[in-house]
Amino acid sequence: MIVKRLLLKKILQSGYIAEFNLVKREGHYEAALYLNGKYVGGPAVPQLLSSPRAELTHWMGNRPTVGLTESEAEQIANQVECENEVLHHRVKSGWEA
Protein backbone atom coordinates (compact mmCIF):
# COMPACT_ATOMS: atom_id res chain seq x y z
CA MET A 1 0.00 0.00 0.00
CA ILE A 2 1.40 3.36 -1.07
CA VAL A 3 0.03 6.53 0.55
CA LYS A 4 -0.50 9.26 -2.03
CA ARG A 5 -2.04 12.07 0.04
CA LEU A 6 -4.26 13.05 2.96
CA LEU A 7 -7.97 13.30 2.08
CA LEU A 8 -9.45 14.26 5.45
CA LYS A 9 -8.25 14.71 9.01
CA LYS A 10 -10.43 14.95 12.10
CA ILE A 11 -9.95 14.86 15.85
CA LEU A 12 -12.30 12.42 17.54
CA GLN A 13 -14.03 12.87 20.90
CA SER A 14 -11.64 10.27 22.30
CA GLY A 15 -8.71 12.53 21.41
CA TYR A 16 -7.48 10.26 18.62
CA ILE A 17 -6.48 11.82 15.31
CA ALA A 18 -8.24 10.12 12.39
CA GLU A 19 -6.58 10.53 9.00
CA PHE A 20 -8.24 9.29 5.84
CA ASN A 21 -5.55 8.87 3.19
CA LEU A 22 -5.68 8.14 -0.51
CA VAL A 23 -3.66 4.97 -1.04
CA LYS A 24 -2.77 2.85 -4.06
CA ARG A 25 -3.18 -0.86 -3.51
CA GLU A 26 -3.16 -3.66 -6.08
CA GLY A 27 -3.39 -1.30 -9.03
CA HIS A 28 -6.20 0.96 -7.86
CA TYR A 29 -6.86 3.77 -5.39
CA GLU A 30 -8.88 3.55 -2.20
CA ALA A 31 -9.22 5.35 1.11
CA ALA A 32 -7.38 4.06 4.18
CA LEU A 33 -8.03 5.05 7.78
CA TYR A 34 -5.17 5.76 10.18
CA LEU A 35 -5.75 6.43 13.89
CA ASN A 36 -2.84 8.24 15.55
CA GLY A 37 -0.67 7.10 12.63
CA LYS A 38 -1.62 3.41 12.83
CA TYR A 39 -3.45 1.78 9.91
CA VAL A 40 -6.94 0.44 10.66
CA GLY A 41 -8.27 -2.09 8.14
CA GLY A 42 -11.75 -1.78 6.73
CA PRO A 43 -13.72 -0.85 3.64
CA ALA A 44 -12.03 0.96 0.73
CA VAL A 45 -14.57 3.81 0.82
CA PRO A 46 -17.02 5.07 3.46
CA GLN A 47 -20.04 2.82 4.09
CA LEU A 48 -23.57 3.82 5.15
CA LEU A 49 -24.41 3.35 8.81
CA SER A 50 -27.35 1.01 9.35
CA SER A 51 -28.57 3.34 12.13
CA PRO A 52 -27.36 6.92 11.51
CA ARG A 53 -26.76 8.98 14.66
CA ALA A 54 -27.24 12.76 14.61
CA GLU A 55 -25.16 14.03 11.68
CA LEU A 56 -23.11 10.82 11.35
CA THR A 57 -24.32 8.83 8.33
CA HIS A 58 -21.25 6.79 7.25
CA TRP A 59 -18.37 4.86 8.77
CA MET A 60 -14.89 3.57 7.98
CA GLY A 61 -12.55 1.26 9.84
CA ASN A 62 -12.93 -2.12 11.41
CA ARG A 63 -12.58 -2.14 15.19
CA PRO A 64 -12.46 0.69 15.87
CA THR A 65 -14.73 2.44 13.40
CA VAL A 66 -14.94 6.17 12.80
CA GLY A 67 -18.21 7.95 12.02
CA LEU A 68 -18.43 10.41 9.14
CA THR A 69 -20.94 13.02 8.07
CA GLU A 70 -22.51 12.74 4.65
CA SER A 71 -20.33 15.56 3.29
CA GLU A 72 -17.12 13.98 4.68
CA ALA A 73 -18.06 10.60 3.18
CA GLU A 74 -18.85 12.21 -0.19
CA GLN A 75 -15.56 14.12 -0.15
CA ILE A 76 -13.57 10.92 0.43
CA ALA A 77 -15.54 8.80 -2.06
CA ASN A 78 -15.41 11.48 -4.78
CA GLN A 79 -11.64 11.89 -4.49
CA VAL A 80 -11.07 8.11 -4.63
CA GLU A 81 -13.37 7.82 -7.66
CA CYS A 82 -11.62 10.72 -9.42
CA GLU A 83 -8.16 9.20 -8.91
CA ASN A 84 -9.35 5.83 -10.22
CA GLU A 85 -10.86 7.49 -13.31
CA VAL A 86 -7.55 9.25 -14.01
CA LEU A 87 -5.66 6.00 -13.50
CA HIS A 88 -8.04 4.12 -15.81
CA HIS A 89 -7.62 6.82 -18.47
CA ARG A 90 -3.83 6.64 -18.23
CA VAL A 91 -3.80 2.86 -18.55
CA LYS A 92 -6.26 3.04 -21.45
CA SER A 93 -4.05 5.65 -23.16
CA GLY A 94 -1.03 3.39 -22.93
CA TRP A 95 0.96 4.76 -20.01
CA GLU A 96 0.78 3.65 -16.39
CA ALA A 97 0.71 6.11 -13.48
PDB file of N, CA and C in Angstrom:
ATOM      1  N   MET A   1       0.851  -1.169   0.000  1.00  0.00           N
ATOM      2  CA  MET A   1       0.000   0.000   0.000  1.00  0.00           C
ATOM      3  C   MET A   1       0.899   1.235   0.000  1.00  0.00           C
ATOM      4  N   ILE A   2       0.630   2.129  -0.944  1.00  0.00           N
ATOM      5  CA  ILE A   2       1.402   3.361  -1.068  1.00  0.00           C
ATOM      6  C   ILE A   2       0.485   4.547  -0.776  1.00  0.00           C
ATOM      7  N   VAL A   3       0.831   5.357   0.210  1.00  0.00           N
ATOM      8  CA  VAL A   3       0.033   6.535   0.554  1.00  0.00           C
ATOM      9  C   VAL A   3       0.358   7.651  -0.423  1.00  0.00           C
ATOM     10  N   LYS A   4      -0.693   8.177  -1.072  1.00  0.00           N
ATOM     11  CA  LYS A   4      -0.501   9.262  -2.029  1.00  0.00           C
ATOM     12  C   LYS A   4      -0.695  10.626  -1.372  1.00  0.00           C
ATOM     13  N   ARG A   5      -1.816  10.791  -0.637  1.00  0.00           N
ATOM     14  CA  ARG A   5      -2.043  12.073   0.038  1.00  0.00           C
ATOM     15  C   ARG A   5      -3.159  11.957   1.070  1.00  0.00           C
ATOM     16  N   LEU A   6      -3.232  12.959   1.933  1.00  0.00           N
ATOM     17  CA  LEU A   6      -4.258  13.054   2.957  1.00  0.00           C
ATOM     18  C   LEU A   6      -5.550  13.570   2.328  1.00  0.00           C
ATOM     19  N   LEU A   7      -6.664  12.876   2.588  1.00  0.00           N
ATOM     20  CA  LEU A   7      -7.969  13.297   2.078  1.00  0.00           C
ATOM     21  C   LEU A   7      -8.751  14.089   3.119  1.00  0.00           C
ATOM     22  N   LEU A   8      -8.672  13.645   4.375  1.00  0.00           N
ATOM     23  CA  LEU A   8      -9.451  14.262   5.445  1.00  0.00           C
ATOM     24  C   LEU A   8      -8.793  13.934   6.775  1.00  0.00           C
ATOM     25  N   LYS A   9      -8.806  14.902   7.672  1.00  0.00           N
ATOM     26  CA  LYS A   9      -8.253  14.706   9.008  1.00  0.00           C
ATOM     27  C   LYS A   9      -9.262  15.241  10.012  1.00  0.00           C
ATOM     28  N   LYS A  10      -9.526  14.463  11.059  1.00  0.00           N
ATOM     29  CA  LYS A  10     -10.430  14.948  12.104  1.00  0.00           C
ATOM     30  C   LYS A  10      -9.978  14.448  13.465  1.00  0.00           C
ATOM     31  N   ILE A  11     -10.261  15.240  14.475  1.00  0.00           N
ATOM     32  CA  ILE A  11      -9.945  14.861  15.848  1.00  0.00           C
ATOM     33  C   ILE A  11     -11.224  14.308  16.466  1.00  0.00           C
ATOM     34  N   LEU A  12     -11.137  13.098  16.979  1.00  0.00           N
ATOM     35  CA  LEU A  12     -12.298  12.420  17.537  1.00  0.00           C
ATOM     36  C   LEU A  12     -12.526  12.820  18.987  1.00  0.00           C
ATOM     37  N   GLN A  13     -13.719  12.558  19.504  1.00  0.00           N
ATOM     38  CA  GLN A  13     -14.034  12.874  20.899  1.00  0.00           C
ATOM     39  C   GLN A  13     -13.085  12.176  21.859  1.00  0.00           C
ATOM     40  N   SER A  14     -12.570  11.020  21.463  1.00  0.00           N
ATOM     41  CA  SER A  14     -11.636  10.268  22.302  1.00  0.00           C
ATOM     42  C   SER A  14     -10.251  10.901  22.359  1.00  0.00           C
ATOM     43  N   GLY A  15     -10.017  11.895  21.474  1.00  0.00           N
ATOM     44  CA  GLY A  15      -8.707  12.530  21.411  1.00  0.00           C
ATOM     45  C   GLY A  15      -7.828  11.959  20.318  1.00  0.00           C
ATOM     46  N   TYR A  16      -8.237  10.852  19.716  1.00  0.00           N
ATOM     47  CA  TYR A  16      -7.484  10.264  18.616  1.00  0.00           C
ATOM     48  C   TYR A  16      -7.541  11.172  17.390  1.00  0.00           C
ATOM     49  N   ILE A  17      -6.503  11.108  16.595  1.00  0.00           N
ATOM     50  CA  ILE A  17      -6.478  11.816  15.315  1.00  0.00           C
ATOM     51  C   ILE A  17      -6.756  10.792  14.226  1.00  0.00           C
ATOM     52  N   ALA A  18      -7.857  11.003  13.495  1.00  0.00           N
ATOM     53  CA  ALA A  18      -8.236  10.120  12.395  1.00  0.00           C
ATOM     54  C   ALA A  18      -7.812  10.773  11.084  1.00  0.00           C
ATOM     55  N   GLU A  19      -7.014  10.055  10.312  1.00  0.00           N
ATOM     56  CA  GLU A  19      -6.579  10.532   9.002  1.00  0.00           C
ATOM     57  C   GLU A  19      -7.073   9.548   7.948  1.00  0.00           C
ATOM     58  N   PHE A  20      -7.754  10.087   6.959  1.00  0.00           N
ATOM     59  CA  PHE A  20      -8.241   9.293   5.840  1.00  0.00           C
ATOM     60  C   PHE A  20      -7.332   9.625   4.660  1.00  0.00           C
ATOM     61  N   ASN A  21      -6.548   8.653   4.240  1.00  0.00           N
ATOM     62  CA  ASN A  21      -5.555   8.866   3.190  1.00  0.00           C
ATOM     63  C   ASN A  21      -5.958   8.179   1.896  1.00  0.00           C
ATOM     64  N   LEU A  22      -5.551   8.777   0.784  1.00  0.00           N
ATOM     65  CA  LEU A  22      -5.685   8.144  -0.514  1.00  0.00           C
ATOM     66  C   LEU A  22      -4.484   7.228  -0.669  1.00  0.00           C
ATOM     67  N   VAL A  23      -4.739   5.938  -0.900  1.00  0.00           N
ATOM     68  CA  VAL A  23      -3.658   4.970  -1.042  1.00  0.00           C
ATOM     69  C   VAL A  23      -3.845   4.181  -2.333  1.00  0.00           C
ATOM     70  N   LYS A  24      -2.722   3.712  -2.878  1.00  0.00           N
ATOM     71  CA  LYS A  24      -2.767   2.849  -4.057  1.00  0.00           C
ATOM     72  C   LYS A  24      -2.437   1.442  -3.587  1.00  0.00           C
ATOM     73  N   ARG A  25      -3.358   0.521  -3.909  1.00  0.00           N
ATOM     74  CA  ARG A  25      -3.182  -0.864  -3.505  1.00  0.00           C
ATOM     75  C   ARG A  25      -3.673  -1.753  -4.640  1.00  0.00           C
ATOM     76  N   GLU A  26      -2.824  -2.682  -5.041  1.00  0.00           N
ATOM     77  CA  GLU A  26      -3.163  -3.664  -6.076  1.00  0.00           C
ATOM     78  C   GLU A  26      -3.698  -3.008  -7.345  1.00  0.00           C
ATOM     79  N   GLY A  27      -3.068  -1.924  -7.762  1.00  0.00           N
ATOM     80  CA  GLY A  27      -3.388  -1.304  -9.035  1.00  0.00           C
ATOM     81  C   GLY A  27      -4.570  -0.358  -9.053  1.00  0.00           C
ATOM     82  N   HIS A  28      -5.113  -0.013  -7.897  1.00  0.00           N
ATOM     83  CA  HIS A  28      -6.203   0.962  -7.862  1.00  0.00           C
ATOM     84  C   HIS A  28      -6.100   1.790  -6.579  1.00  0.00           C
ATOM     85  N   TYR A  29      -6.863   2.884  -6.556  1.00  0.00           N
ATOM     86  CA  TYR A  29      -6.859   3.768  -5.393  1.00  0.00           C
ATOM     87  C   TYR A  29      -8.038   3.472  -4.486  1.00  0.00           C
ATOM     88  N   GLU A  30      -7.822   3.682  -3.197  1.00  0.00           N
ATOM     89  CA  GLU A  30      -8.876   3.551  -2.201  1.00  0.00           C
ATOM     90  C   GLU A  30      -8.527   4.450  -1.024  1.00  0.00           C
ATOM     91  N   ALA A  31      -9.465   4.577  -0.099  1.00  0.00           N
ATOM     92  CA  ALA A  31      -9.220   5.350   1.113  1.00  0.00           C
ATOM     93  C   ALA A  31      -8.760   4.394   2.212  1.00  0.00           C
ATOM     94  N   ALA A  32      -7.856   4.856   3.056  1.00  0.00           N
ATOM     95  CA  ALA A  32      -7.382   4.062   4.183  1.00  0.00           C
ATOM     96  C   ALA A  32      -7.438   4.936   5.431  1.00  0.00           C
ATOM     97  N   LEU A  33      -7.907   4.343   6.506  1.00  0.00           N
ATOM     98  CA  LEU A  33      -8.027   5.046   7.782  1.00  0.00           C
ATOM     99  C   LEU A  33      -6.801   4.774   8.643  1.00  0.00           C
ATOM    100  N   TYR A  34      -6.266   5.853   9.211  1.00  0.00           N
ATOM    101  CA  TYR A  34      -5.169   5.757  10.177  1.00  0.00           C
ATOM    102  C   TYR A  34      -5.616   6.472  11.446  1.00  0.00           C
ATOM    103  N   LEU A  35      -5.461   5.811  12.597  1.00  0.00           N
ATOM    104  CA  LEU A  35      -5.750   6.430  13.886  1.00  0.00           C
ATOM    105  C   LEU A  35      -4.434   6.622  14.622  1.00  0.00           C
ATOM    106  N   ASN A  36      -4.116   7.883  14.916  1.00  0.00           N
ATOM    107  CA  ASN A  36      -2.839   8.236  15.548  1.00  0.00           C
ATOM    108  C   ASN A  36      -1.671   7.602  14.802  1.00  0.00           C
ATOM    109  N   GLY A  37      -1.759   7.587  13.476  1.00  0.00           N
ATOM    110  CA  GLY A  37      -0.675   7.100  12.634  1.00  0.00           C
ATOM    111  C   GLY A  37      -0.665   5.609  12.389  1.00  0.00           C
ATOM    112  N   LYS A  38      -1.583   4.861  12.998  1.00  0.00           N
ATOM    113  CA  LYS A  38      -1.624   3.409  12.834  1.00  0.00           C
ATOM    114  C   LYS A  38      -2.770   3.022  11.898  1.00  0.00           C
ATOM    115  N   TYR A  39      -2.459   2.208  10.892  1.00  0.00           N
ATOM    116  CA  TYR A  39      -3.451   1.779   9.914  1.00  0.00           C
ATOM    117  C   TYR A  39      -4.538   0.930  10.569  1.00  0.00           C
ATOM    118  N   VAL A  40      -5.784   1.206  10.197  1.00  0.00           N
ATOM    119  CA  VAL A  40      -6.937   0.436  10.660  1.00  0.00           C
ATOM    120  C   VAL A  40      -7.612  -0.137   9.416  1.00  0.00           C
ATOM    121  N   GLY A  41      -7.651  -1.446   9.293  1.00  0.00           N
ATOM    122  CA  GLY A  41      -8.271  -2.085   8.139  1.00  0.00           C
ATOM    123  C   GLY A  41      -9.762  -1.786   8.070  1.00  0.00           C
ATOM    124  N   GLY A  42     -10.329  -2.021   6.899  1.00  0.00           N
ATOM    125  CA  GLY A  42     -11.755  -1.784   6.730  1.00  0.00           C
ATOM    126  C   GLY A  42     -12.094  -1.566   5.275  1.00  0.00           C
ATOM    127  N   PRO A  43     -13.282  -1.044   5.021  1.00  0.00           N
ATOM    128  CA  PRO A  43     -13.715  -0.848   3.636  1.00  0.00           C
ATOM    129  C   PRO A  43     -12.859   0.185   2.903  1.00  0.00           C
ATOM    130  N   ALA A  44     -12.858   0.083   1.568  1.00  0.00           N
ATOM    131  CA  ALA A  44     -12.030   0.957   0.730  1.00  0.00           C
ATOM    132  C   ALA A  44     -12.618   2.351   0.549  1.00  0.00           C
ATOM    133  N   VAL A  45     -13.888   2.516   0.848  1.00  0.00           N
ATOM    134  CA  VAL A  45     -14.571   3.811   0.818  1.00  0.00           C
ATOM    135  C   VAL A  45     -15.584   3.823   1.965  1.00  0.00           C
ATOM    136  N   PRO A  46     -16.046   4.998   2.377  1.00  0.00           N
ATOM    137  CA  PRO A  46     -17.023   5.067   3.465  1.00  0.00           C
ATOM    138  C   PRO A  46     -18.285   4.257   3.156  1.00  0.00           C
ATOM    139  N   GLN A  47     -18.831   3.632   4.197  1.00  0.00           N
ATOM    140  CA  GLN A  47     -20.045   2.823   4.092  1.00  0.00           C
ATOM    141  C   GLN A  47     -21.165   3.487   4.893  1.00  0.00           C
ATOM    142  N   LEU A  48     -22.411   3.281   4.434  1.00  0.00           N
ATOM    143  CA  LEU A  48     -23.567   3.817   5.146  1.00  0.00           C
ATOM    144  C   LEU A  48     -23.733   3.132   6.497  1.00  0.00           C
ATOM    145  N   LEU A  49     -24.068   3.918   7.514  1.00  0.00           N
ATOM    146  CA  LEU A  49     -24.412   3.353   8.813  1.00  0.00           C
ATOM    147  C   LEU A  49     -25.813   2.759   8.732  1.00  0.00           C
ATOM    148  N   SER A  50     -26.016   1.612   9.347  1.00  0.00           N
ATOM    149  CA  SER A  50     -27.353   1.011   9.348  1.00  0.00           C
ATOM    150  C   SER A  50     -28.309   1.823  10.222  1.00  0.00           C
ATOM    151  N   SER A  51     -27.775   2.466  11.251  1.00  0.00           N
ATOM    152  CA  SER A  51     -28.566   3.339  12.127  1.00  0.00           C
ATOM    153  C   SER A  51     -27.835   4.661  12.309  1.00  0.00           C
ATOM    154  N   PRO A  52     -28.048   5.627  11.396  1.00  0.00           N
ATOM    155  CA  PRO A  52     -27.361   6.920  11.512  1.00  0.00           C
ATOM    156  C   PRO A  52     -27.649   7.583  12.861  1.00  0.00           C
ATOM    157  N   ARG A  53     -26.628   8.278  13.390  1.00  0.00           N
ATOM    158  CA  ARG A  53     -26.756   8.976  14.661  1.00  0.00           C
ATOM    159  C   ARG A  53     -26.433  10.445  14.457  1.00  0.00           C
ATOM    160  N   ALA A  54     -27.396  11.307  14.780  1.00  0.00           N
ATOM    161  CA  ALA A  54     -27.243  12.759  14.611  1.00  0.00           C
ATOM    162  C   ALA A  54     -26.774  13.049  13.192  1.00  0.00           C
ATOM    163  N   GLU A  55     -25.642  13.706  13.032  1.00  0.00           N
ATOM    164  CA  GLU A  55     -25.164  14.029  11.684  1.00  0.00           C
ATOM    165  C   GLU A  55     -24.296  12.933  11.083  1.00  0.00           C
ATOM    166  N   LEU A  56     -23.948  11.905  11.850  1.00  0.00           N
ATOM    167  CA  LEU A  56     -23.108  10.815  11.347  1.00  0.00           C
ATOM    168  C   LEU A  56     -23.936   9.836  10.522  1.00  0.00           C
ATOM    169  N   THR A  57     -23.557   9.667   9.246  1.00  0.00           N
ATOM    170  CA  THR A  57     -24.320   8.826   8.330  1.00  0.00           C
ATOM    171  C   THR A  57     -23.493   7.680   7.755  1.00  0.00           C
ATOM    172  N   HIS A  58     -22.153   7.776   7.852  1.00  0.00           N
ATOM    173  CA  HIS A  58     -21.255   6.794   7.248  1.00  0.00           C
ATOM    174  C   HIS A  58     -20.188   6.377   8.254  1.00  0.00           C
ATOM    175  N   TRP A  59     -19.448   5.338   7.915  1.00  0.00           N
ATOM    176  CA  TRP A  59     -18.366   4.857   8.773  1.00  0.00           C
ATOM    177  C   TRP A  59     -17.224   4.316   7.927  1.00  0.00           C
ATOM    178  N   MET A  60     -16.063   4.244   8.537  1.00  0.00           N
ATOM    179  CA  MET A  60     -14.889   3.567   7.980  1.00  0.00           C
ATOM    180  C   MET A  60     -14.141   2.948   9.141  1.00  0.00           C
ATOM    181  N   GLY A  61     -13.339   1.942   8.822  1.00  0.00           N
ATOM    182  CA  GLY A  61     -12.550   1.258   9.838  1.00  0.00           C
ATOM    183  C   GLY A  61     -13.209  -0.033  10.258  1.00  0.00           C
ATOM    184  N   ASN A  62     -12.444  -0.841  10.927  1.00  0.00           N
ATOM    185  CA  ASN A  62     -12.934  -2.124  11.405  1.00  0.00           C
ATOM    186  C   ASN A  62     -12.315  -2.375  12.773  1.00  0.00           C
ATOM    187  N   ARG A  63     -13.035  -2.000  13.804  1.00  0.00           N
ATOM    188  CA  ARG A  63     -12.575  -2.145  15.190  1.00  0.00           C
ATOM    189  C   ARG A  63     -11.282  -1.414  15.447  1.00  0.00           C
ATOM    190  N   PRO A  64     -11.298  -0.171  15.693  1.00  0.00           N
ATOM    191  CA  PRO A  64     -12.460   0.689  15.866  1.00  0.00           C
ATOM    192  C   PRO A  64     -12.956   1.254  14.536  1.00  0.00           C
ATOM    193  N   THR A  65     -14.178   1.752  14.565  1.00  0.00           N
ATOM    194  CA  THR A  65     -14.729   2.439  13.402  1.00  0.00           C
ATOM    195  C   THR A  65     -14.808   3.928  13.712  1.00  0.00           C
ATOM    196  N   VAL A  66     -14.845   4.718  12.656  1.00  0.00           N
ATOM    197  CA  VAL A  66     -14.942   6.168  12.796  1.00  0.00           C
ATOM    198  C   VAL A  66     -16.163   6.624  12.019  1.00  0.00           C
ATOM    199  N   GLY A  67     -17.021   7.407  12.664  1.00  0.00           N
ATOM    200  CA  GLY A  67     -18.209   7.947  12.016  1.00  0.00           C
ATOM    201  C   GLY A  67     -17.877   9.157  11.168  1.00  0.00           C
ATOM    202  N   LEU A  68     -18.625   9.296  10.061  1.00  0.00           N
ATOM    203  CA  LEU A  68     -18.429  10.409   9.137  1.00  0.00           C
ATOM    204  C   LEU A  68     -19.767  11.053   8.807  1.00  0.00           C
ATOM    205  N   THR A  69     -19.741  12.350   8.563  1.00  0.00           N
ATOM    206  CA  THR A  69     -20.939  13.022   8.072  1.00  0.00           C
ATOM    207  C   THR A  69     -21.108  12.692   6.594  1.00  0.00           C
ATOM    208  N   GLU A  70     -22.262  13.003   6.068  1.00  0.00           N
ATOM    209  CA  GLU A  70     -22.509  12.738   4.651  1.00  0.00           C
ATOM    210  C   GLU A  70     -21.527  13.504   3.772  1.00  0.00           C
ATOM    211  N   SER A  71     -21.252  14.762   4.110  1.00  0.00           N
ATOM    212  CA  SER A  71     -20.327  15.558   3.293  1.00  0.00           C
ATOM    213  C   SER A  71     -18.892  15.023   3.375  1.00  0.00           C
ATOM    214  N   GLU A  72     -18.456  14.570   4.556  1.00  0.00           N
ATOM    215  CA  GLU A  72     -17.121  13.977   4.684  1.00  0.00           C
ATOM    216  C   GLU A  72     -17.018  12.696   3.855  1.00  0.00           C
ATOM    217  N   ALA A  73     -18.050  11.859   3.940  1.00  0.00           N
ATOM    218  CA  ALA A  73     -18.056  10.603   3.181  1.00  0.00           C
ATOM    219  C   ALA A  73     -18.039  10.877   1.670  1.00  0.00           C
ATOM    220  N   GLU A  74     -18.826  11.850   1.228  1.00  0.00           N
ATOM    221  CA  GLU A  74     -18.852  12.209  -0.192  1.00  0.00           C
ATOM    222  C   GLU A  74     -17.502  12.739  -0.648  1.00  0.00           C
ATOM    223  N   GLN A  75     -16.872  13.567   0.176  1.00  0.00           N
ATOM    224  CA  GLN A  75     -15.559  14.120  -0.154  1.00  0.00           C
ATOM    225  C   GLN A  75     -14.550  12.997  -0.375  1.00  0.00           C
ATOM    226  N   ILE A  76     -14.511  12.035   0.538  1.00  0.00           N
ATOM    227  CA  ILE A  76     -13.572  10.919   0.434  1.00  0.00           C
ATOM    228  C   ILE A  76     -13.884  10.075  -0.795  1.00  0.00           C
ATOM    229  N   ALA A  77     -15.144   9.671  -0.939  1.00  0.00           N
ATOM    230  CA  ALA A  77     -15.543   8.802  -2.058  1.00  0.00           C
ATOM    231  C   ALA A  77     -15.303   9.475  -3.405  1.00  0.00           C
ATOM    232  N   ASN A  78     -15.607  10.758  -3.514  1.00  0.00           N
ATOM    233  CA  ASN A  78     -15.407  11.478  -4.781  1.00  0.00           C
ATOM    234  C   ASN A  78     -13.942  11.554  -5.162  1.00  0.00           C
ATOM    235  N   GLN A  79     -13.068  11.800  -4.196  1.00  0.00           N
ATOM    236  CA  GLN A  79     -11.641  11.886  -4.494  1.00  0.00           C
ATOM    237  C   GLN A  79     -11.070  10.530  -4.903  1.00  0.00           C
ATOM    238  N   VAL A  80     -11.520   9.459  -4.253  1.00  0.00           N
ATOM    239  CA  VAL A  80     -11.075   8.111  -4.632  1.00  0.00           C
ATOM    240  C   VAL A  80     -11.553   7.793  -6.045  1.00  0.00           C
ATOM    241  N   GLU A  81     -12.813   8.084  -6.332  1.00  0.00           N
ATOM    242  CA  GLU A  81     -13.373   7.819  -7.657  1.00  0.00           C
ATOM    243  C   GLU A  81     -12.633   8.611  -8.733  1.00  0.00           C
ATOM    244  N   CYS A  82     -12.340   9.869  -8.463  1.00  0.00           N
ATOM    245  CA  CYS A  82     -11.624  10.719  -9.417  1.00  0.00           C
ATOM    246  C   CYS A  82     -10.245  10.155  -9.725  1.00  0.00           C
ATOM    247  N   GLU A  83      -9.502   9.764  -8.695  1.00  0.00           N
ATOM    248  CA  GLU A  83      -8.164   9.203  -8.909  1.00  0.00           C
ATOM    249  C   GLU A  83      -8.217   7.908  -9.711  1.00  0.00           C
ATOM    250  N   ASN A  84      -9.222   7.074  -9.465  1.00  0.00           N
ATOM    251  CA  ASN A  84      -9.348   5.831 -10.221  1.00  0.00           C
ATOM    252  C   ASN A  84      -9.724   6.085 -11.672  1.00  0.00           C
ATOM    253  N   GLU A  85     -10.529   7.121 -11.925  1.00  0.00           N
ATOM    254  CA  GLU A  85     -10.858   7.488 -13.305  1.00  0.00           C
ATOM    255  C   GLU A  85      -9.617   7.964 -14.051  1.00  0.00           C
ATOM    256  N   VAL A  86      -8.793   8.778 -13.404  1.00  0.00           N
ATOM    257  CA  VAL A  86      -7.546   9.246 -14.015  1.00  0.00           C
ATOM    258  C   VAL A  86      -6.627   8.067 -14.295  1.00  0.00           C
ATOM    259  N   LEU A  87      -6.503   7.177 -13.338  1.00  0.00           N
ATOM    260  CA  LEU A  87      -5.658   5.999 -13.503  1.00  0.00           C
ATOM    261  C   LEU A  87      -6.157   5.136 -14.656  1.00  0.00           C
ATOM    262  N   HIS A  88      -7.459   4.918 -14.729  1.00  0.00           N
ATOM    263  CA  HIS A  88      -8.044   4.122 -15.806  1.00  0.00           C
ATOM    264  C   HIS A  88      -7.765   4.768 -17.163  1.00  0.00           C
ATOM    265  N   HIS A  89      -7.892   6.100 -17.226  1.00  0.00           N
ATOM    266  CA  HIS A  89      -7.625   6.822 -18.472  1.00  0.00           C
ATOM    267  C   HIS A  89      -6.162   6.675 -18.887  1.00  0.00           C
ATOM    268  N   ARG A  90      -5.255   6.775 -17.923  1.00  0.00           N
ATOM    269  CA  ARG A  90      -3.827   6.644 -18.227  1.00  0.00           C
ATOM    270  C   ARG A  90      -3.501   5.248 -18.740  1.00  0.00           C
ATOM    271  N   VAL A  91      -4.054   4.239 -18.118  1.00  0.00           N
ATOM    272  CA  VAL A  91      -3.802   2.859 -18.545  1.00  0.00           C
ATOM    273  C   VAL A  91      -4.386   2.644 -19.946  1.00  0.00           C
ATOM    274  N   LYS A  92      -5.592   3.153 -20.157  1.00  0.00           N
ATOM    275  CA  LYS A  92      -6.257   3.039 -21.452  1.00  0.00           C
ATOM    276  C   LYS A  92      -5.464   3.757 -22.547  1.00  0.00           C
ATOM    277  N   SER A  93      -4.825   4.866 -22.201  1.00  0.00           N
ATOM    278  CA  SER A  93      -4.049   5.646 -23.157  1.00  0.00           C
ATOM    279  C   SER A  93      -2.670   5.067 -23.418  1.00  0.00           C
ATOM    280  N   GLY A  94      -2.301   4.048 -22.673  1.00  0.00           N
ATOM    281  CA  GLY A  94      -1.030   3.386 -22.927  1.00  0.00           C
ATOM    282  C   GLY A  94       0.109   3.731 -22.005  1.00  0.00           C
ATOM    283  N   TRP A  95      -0.129   4.504 -20.966  1.00  0.00           N
ATOM    284  CA  TRP A  95       0.956   4.761 -20.010  1.00  0.00           C
ATOM    285  C   TRP A  95       0.422   4.682 -18.595  1.00  0.00           C
ATOM    286  N   GLU A  96       1.140   3.934 -17.778  1.00  0.00           N
ATOM    287  CA  GLU A  96       0.781   3.646 -16.388  1.00  0.00           C
ATOM    288  C   GLU A  96       1.200   4.789 -15.479  1.00  0.00           C
ATOM    289  N   ALA A  97       0.397   5.047 -14.451  1.00  0.00           N
ATOM    290  CA  ALA A  97       0.711   6.105 -13.476  1.00  0.00           C
ATOM    291  C   ALA A  97       1.705   5.617 -12.458  1.00  0.00           C
TER     292      ALA A  97
END
